[in-house]
């Protein structure tokens, strides 16, 4: 299983979220693994996009591990707490 982590920066250049994900690829080409976040600045929320499931989910708990399976792509991003009414978000990762 592959593990990666990164720090996502909001456009203000001051607030961040540290996110991570793991994955492995089955013979069917779909990905399976886990994701989460270890830290987020005050006023920042973290989300995941599950492409095959066509879902965007809010991650409510810092330090919690979330799992996924049978996805073509999994992306994480962070936003100001006013999202989706405000476009103050990081790029996806």
N, C-alpha and C. Protein backbone atom coordinates (compact mmCIF):
# COMPACT_ATOMS: atom_id res chain seq x y z
N UNK A 1 0.86 -1.18 0.00
CA UNK A 1 0.00 0.00 0.00
C UNK A 1 0.90 1.23 0.00
N UNK A 2 0.55 2.21 -0.80
CA UNK A 2 1.31 3.45 -0.91
C UNK A 2 0.71 4.50 0.03
N UNK A 3 1.57 5.27 0.68
CA UNK A 3 1.14 6.34 1.59
C UNK A 3 1.73 7.66 1.11
N UNK A 4 0.90 8.71 1.12
CA UNK A 4 1.37 10.05 0.80
C UNK A 4 0.64 11.04 1.72
N UNK A 5 1.32 12.13 2.02
CA UNK A 5 0.68 13.22 2.77
C UNK A 5 1.16 14.55 2.18
N UNK A 6 0.39 15.60 2.45
CA UNK A 6 0.77 16.92 1.97
C UNK A 6 0.07 17.97 2.81
N UNK A 7 0.53 19.19 2.69
CA UNK A 7 -0.13 20.33 3.32
C UNK A 7 -0.85 21.13 2.24
N UNK A 8 -2.14 21.33 2.44
CA UNK A 8 -2.95 22.13 1.52
C UNK A 8 -3.02 23.55 2.06
N UNK A 9 -2.77 24.52 1.21
CA UNK A 9 -2.81 25.93 1.59
C UNK A 9 -4.05 26.60 1.01
N UNK A 10 -4.78 27.32 1.86
CA UNK A 10 -5.88 28.12 1.36
C UNK A 10 -5.31 29.35 0.65
N UNK A 11 -6.10 29.97 -0.23
CA UNK A 11 -5.59 31.10 -1.02
C UNK A 11 -5.06 32.28 -0.20
N UNK A 12 -5.48 32.41 1.07
CA UNK A 12 -4.97 33.54 1.87
C UNK A 12 -3.50 33.35 2.25
N UNK A 13 -2.94 32.16 1.99
CA UNK A 13 -1.53 31.90 2.27
C UNK A 13 -1.20 31.76 3.74
N UNK A 14 -2.22 31.71 4.59
CA UNK A 14 -2.00 31.64 6.04
C UNK A 14 -2.56 30.36 6.66
N UNK A 15 -3.67 29.88 6.14
CA UNK A 15 -4.33 28.72 6.74
C UNK A 15 -4.04 27.46 5.93
N UNK A 16 -3.94 26.34 6.65
CA UNK A 16 -3.57 25.08 6.03
C UNK A 16 -4.38 23.91 6.58
N UNK A 17 -4.26 22.80 5.89
CA UNK A 17 -4.73 21.51 6.38
C UNK A 17 -3.71 20.47 5.93
N UNK A 18 -3.34 19.59 6.83
CA UNK A 18 -2.42 18.50 6.50
C UNK A 18 -3.24 17.24 6.30
N UNK A 19 -3.19 16.71 5.08
CA UNK A 19 -4.02 15.56 4.70
C UNK A 19 -3.13 14.40 4.29
N UNK A 20 -3.71 13.21 4.27
CA UNK A 20 -2.98 12.02 3.87
C UNK A 20 -3.92 11.03 3.19
N UNK A 21 -3.33 10.10 2.44
CA UNK A 21 -4.12 9.02 1.85
C UNK A 21 -3.21 7.82 1.58
N UNK A 22 -3.81 6.67 1.58
CA UNK A 22 -3.13 5.44 1.20
C UNK A 22 -3.93 4.82 0.06
N UNK A 23 -3.27 3.98 -0.73
CA UNK A 23 -4.00 3.31 -1.79
C UNK A 23 -3.25 2.09 -2.30
N UNK A 24 -4.03 1.20 -2.85
CA UNK A 24 -3.49 0.11 -3.67
C UNK A 24 -4.47 -0.09 -4.81
N UNK A 25 -3.97 -0.62 -5.89
CA UNK A 25 -4.78 -0.78 -7.10
C UNK A 25 -5.01 -2.26 -7.36
N UNK A 26 -6.26 -2.62 -7.52
CA UNK A 26 -6.62 -4.00 -7.86
C UNK A 26 -6.43 -4.26 -9.34
N UNK A 27 -6.52 -5.51 -9.72
CA UNK A 27 -6.38 -5.88 -11.13
C UNK A 27 -7.47 -5.25 -12.00
N UNK A 28 -8.59 -4.85 -11.39
CA UNK A 28 -9.67 -4.21 -12.14
C UNK A 28 -9.39 -2.72 -12.39
N UNK A 29 -8.27 -2.21 -11.87
CA UNK A 29 -7.90 -0.82 -12.08
C UNK A 29 -8.48 0.15 -11.08
N UNK A 30 -9.28 -0.34 -10.16
CA UNK A 30 -9.88 0.53 -9.14
C UNK A 30 -8.98 0.62 -7.92
N UNK A 31 -9.09 1.76 -7.21
CA UNK A 31 -8.26 2.01 -6.04
C UNK A 31 -9.03 1.75 -4.75
N UNK A 32 -8.28 1.31 -3.76
CA UNK A 32 -8.81 1.02 -2.43
C UNK A 32 -7.82 1.58 -1.42
N UNK A 33 -8.30 2.08 -0.29
CA UNK A 33 -7.37 2.59 0.70
C UNK A 33 -8.06 3.40 1.78
N UNK A 34 -7.28 4.33 2.36
CA UNK A 34 -7.75 5.16 3.46
C UNK A 34 -7.31 6.60 3.25
N UNK A 35 -7.94 7.52 3.98
CA UNK A 35 -7.60 8.93 3.91
C UNK A 35 -8.01 9.61 5.20
N UNK A 36 -7.51 10.82 5.41
CA UNK A 36 -7.87 11.59 6.58
C UNK A 36 -7.05 12.86 6.63
N UNK A 37 -7.13 13.55 7.78
CA UNK A 37 -6.30 14.74 7.98
C UNK A 37 -5.81 14.76 9.40
N UNK A 38 -4.60 15.25 9.57
CA UNK A 38 -3.97 15.26 10.89
C UNK A 38 -4.01 16.62 11.56
N UNK A 39 -4.26 17.67 10.78
CA UNK A 39 -4.34 19.02 11.35
C UNK A 39 -5.05 19.94 10.38
N UNK A 40 -5.74 20.94 10.92
CA UNK A 40 -6.37 21.98 10.10
C UNK A 40 -6.38 23.28 10.91
N UNK A 41 -6.07 24.36 10.25
CA UNK A 41 -6.11 25.67 10.91
C UNK A 41 -7.53 25.98 11.37
N UNK A 42 -7.62 26.88 12.34
CA UNK A 42 -8.93 27.33 12.82
C UNK A 42 -9.73 27.89 11.64
N UNK A 43 -10.97 27.47 11.51
CA UNK A 43 -11.84 27.98 10.45
C UNK A 43 -11.67 27.26 9.12
N UNK A 44 -10.97 26.13 9.12
CA UNK A 44 -10.75 25.36 7.88
C UNK A 44 -11.41 23.99 8.00
N UNK A 45 -12.11 23.60 6.95
CA UNK A 45 -12.74 22.28 6.87
C UNK A 45 -12.11 21.49 5.74
N UNK A 46 -12.10 20.16 5.89
CA UNK A 46 -11.48 19.27 4.90
C UNK A 46 -12.57 18.42 4.25
N UNK A 47 -12.41 18.19 2.94
CA UNK A 47 -13.38 17.42 2.15
C UNK A 47 -12.65 16.40 1.29
N UNK A 48 -13.38 15.36 0.90
CA UNK A 48 -12.86 14.37 -0.04
C UNK A 48 -13.82 14.27 -1.22
N UNK A 49 -13.26 14.07 -2.41
CA UNK A 49 -14.05 13.82 -3.61
C UNK A 49 -13.80 12.37 -4.02
N UNK A 50 -14.87 11.58 -4.06
CA UNK A 50 -14.81 10.19 -4.50
C UNK A 50 -15.44 10.14 -5.89
N UNK A 51 -14.60 10.01 -6.91
CA UNK A 51 -15.06 10.19 -8.28
C UNK A 51 -16.02 9.12 -8.76
N UNK A 52 -15.72 7.87 -8.53
CA UNK A 52 -16.61 6.80 -9.02
C UNK A 52 -17.96 6.86 -8.32
N UNK A 53 -17.95 7.15 -7.03
CA UNK A 53 -19.19 7.27 -6.27
C UNK A 53 -19.90 8.59 -6.52
N UNK A 54 -19.22 9.54 -7.18
CA UNK A 54 -19.76 10.85 -7.48
C UNK A 54 -20.23 11.55 -6.20
N UNK A 55 -19.33 11.57 -5.19
CA UNK A 55 -19.66 12.17 -3.90
C UNK A 55 -18.55 13.11 -3.45
N UNK A 56 -18.95 14.20 -2.81
CA UNK A 56 -18.04 15.06 -2.07
C UNK A 56 -18.48 15.00 -0.62
N UNK A 57 -17.54 14.64 0.27
CA UNK A 57 -17.89 14.44 1.67
C UNK A 57 -17.06 15.35 2.56
N UNK A 58 -17.70 15.88 3.58
CA UNK A 58 -17.03 16.64 4.62
C UNK A 58 -16.39 15.65 5.60
N UNK A 59 -15.16 15.90 6.01
CA UNK A 59 -14.49 15.06 7.00
C UNK A 59 -14.56 15.78 8.35
N UNK A 60 -15.41 15.30 9.26
CA UNK A 60 -15.65 16.04 10.49
C UNK A 60 -14.59 15.88 11.58
N UNK A 61 -13.77 14.83 11.52
CA UNK A 61 -12.93 14.52 12.67
C UNK A 61 -11.44 14.46 12.33
N UNK A 62 -10.67 15.36 12.91
CA UNK A 62 -9.22 15.35 12.76
C UNK A 62 -8.66 14.08 13.40
N UNK A 63 -7.74 13.43 12.71
CA UNK A 63 -7.11 12.22 13.23
C UNK A 63 -7.86 10.93 12.95
N UNK A 64 -9.07 11.01 12.42
CA UNK A 64 -9.85 9.81 12.12
C UNK A 64 -9.44 9.25 10.76
N UNK A 65 -9.48 7.93 10.63
CA UNK A 65 -9.18 7.27 9.36
C UNK A 65 -10.49 6.92 8.66
N UNK A 66 -10.60 7.33 7.40
CA UNK A 66 -11.76 7.02 6.57
C UNK A 66 -11.30 6.05 5.49
N UNK A 67 -12.20 5.21 5.02
CA UNK A 67 -11.79 4.23 4.01
C UNK A 67 -12.62 4.39 2.74
N UNK A 68 -12.07 3.86 1.64
CA UNK A 68 -12.78 3.86 0.36
C UNK A 68 -12.40 2.61 -0.40
N UNK A 69 -13.25 2.26 -1.36
CA UNK A 69 -12.94 1.12 -2.23
C UNK A 69 -13.63 1.31 -3.56
N UNK A 70 -13.06 0.69 -4.57
CA UNK A 70 -13.61 0.73 -5.93
C UNK A 70 -13.75 2.14 -6.49
N UNK A 71 -12.77 2.99 -6.24
CA UNK A 71 -12.79 4.36 -6.76
C UNK A 71 -11.75 4.51 -7.87
N UNK A 72 -12.06 5.32 -8.87
CA UNK A 72 -11.09 5.61 -9.93
C UNK A 72 -10.13 6.71 -9.49
N UNK A 73 -10.62 7.67 -8.71
CA UNK A 73 -9.82 8.78 -8.23
C UNK A 73 -10.36 9.24 -6.88
N UNK A 74 -9.45 9.59 -5.97
CA UNK A 74 -9.81 10.15 -4.67
C UNK A 74 -8.99 11.42 -4.50
N UNK A 75 -9.66 12.54 -4.24
CA UNK A 75 -8.97 13.82 -4.07
C UNK A 75 -9.42 14.48 -2.77
N UNK A 76 -8.48 15.15 -2.11
CA UNK A 76 -8.77 15.89 -0.89
C UNK A 76 -8.59 17.37 -1.15
N UNK A 77 -9.39 18.20 -0.47
CA UNK A 77 -9.21 19.64 -0.54
C UNK A 77 -9.69 20.26 0.76
N UNK A 78 -9.29 21.50 1.00
CA UNK A 78 -9.65 22.22 2.22
C UNK A 78 -10.28 23.56 1.84
N UNK A 79 -11.23 24.01 2.68
CA UNK A 79 -11.93 25.26 2.42
C UNK A 79 -12.16 26.02 3.72
N UNK A 80 -12.38 27.32 3.55
CA UNK A 80 -12.87 28.14 4.64
C UNK A 80 -14.19 27.54 5.10
N UNK A 81 -14.51 27.66 6.37
CA UNK A 81 -15.75 27.06 6.89
C UNK A 81 -17.02 27.56 6.22
N UNK A 82 -16.97 28.66 5.48
CA UNK A 82 -18.17 29.17 4.82
C UNK A 82 -18.48 28.45 3.51
N UNK A 83 -17.61 27.52 3.06
CA UNK A 83 -17.86 26.72 1.85
C UNK A 83 -19.17 25.97 2.02
N UNK A 84 -20.04 25.82 1.04
CA UNK A 84 -19.85 26.14 -0.37
C UNK A 84 -20.31 27.54 -0.76
N UNK A 85 -20.59 28.40 0.22
CA UNK A 85 -21.03 29.75 -0.11
C UNK A 85 -19.87 30.68 -0.45
N UNK A 86 -18.67 30.21 -0.24
CA UNK A 86 -17.47 30.99 -0.51
C UNK A 86 -16.50 30.08 -1.25
N UNK A 87 -15.77 30.61 -2.19
CA UNK A 87 -14.85 29.81 -2.99
C UNK A 87 -13.42 29.87 -2.46
N UNK A 88 -13.27 30.08 -1.17
CA UNK A 88 -11.95 30.18 -0.55
C UNK A 88 -11.44 28.79 -0.22
N UNK A 89 -10.97 28.05 -1.26
CA UNK A 89 -10.55 26.66 -1.11
C UNK A 89 -9.15 26.45 -1.67
N UNK A 90 -8.53 25.40 -1.18
CA UNK A 90 -7.25 24.98 -1.74
C UNK A 90 -7.49 24.26 -3.05
N UNK A 91 -6.43 23.98 -3.76
CA UNK A 91 -6.56 23.09 -4.93
C UNK A 91 -6.76 21.67 -4.42
N UNK A 92 -7.26 20.80 -5.27
CA UNK A 92 -7.45 19.40 -4.87
C UNK A 92 -6.13 18.66 -4.94
N UNK A 93 -6.04 17.62 -4.13
CA UNK A 93 -4.85 16.78 -4.12
C UNK A 93 -5.27 15.33 -4.02
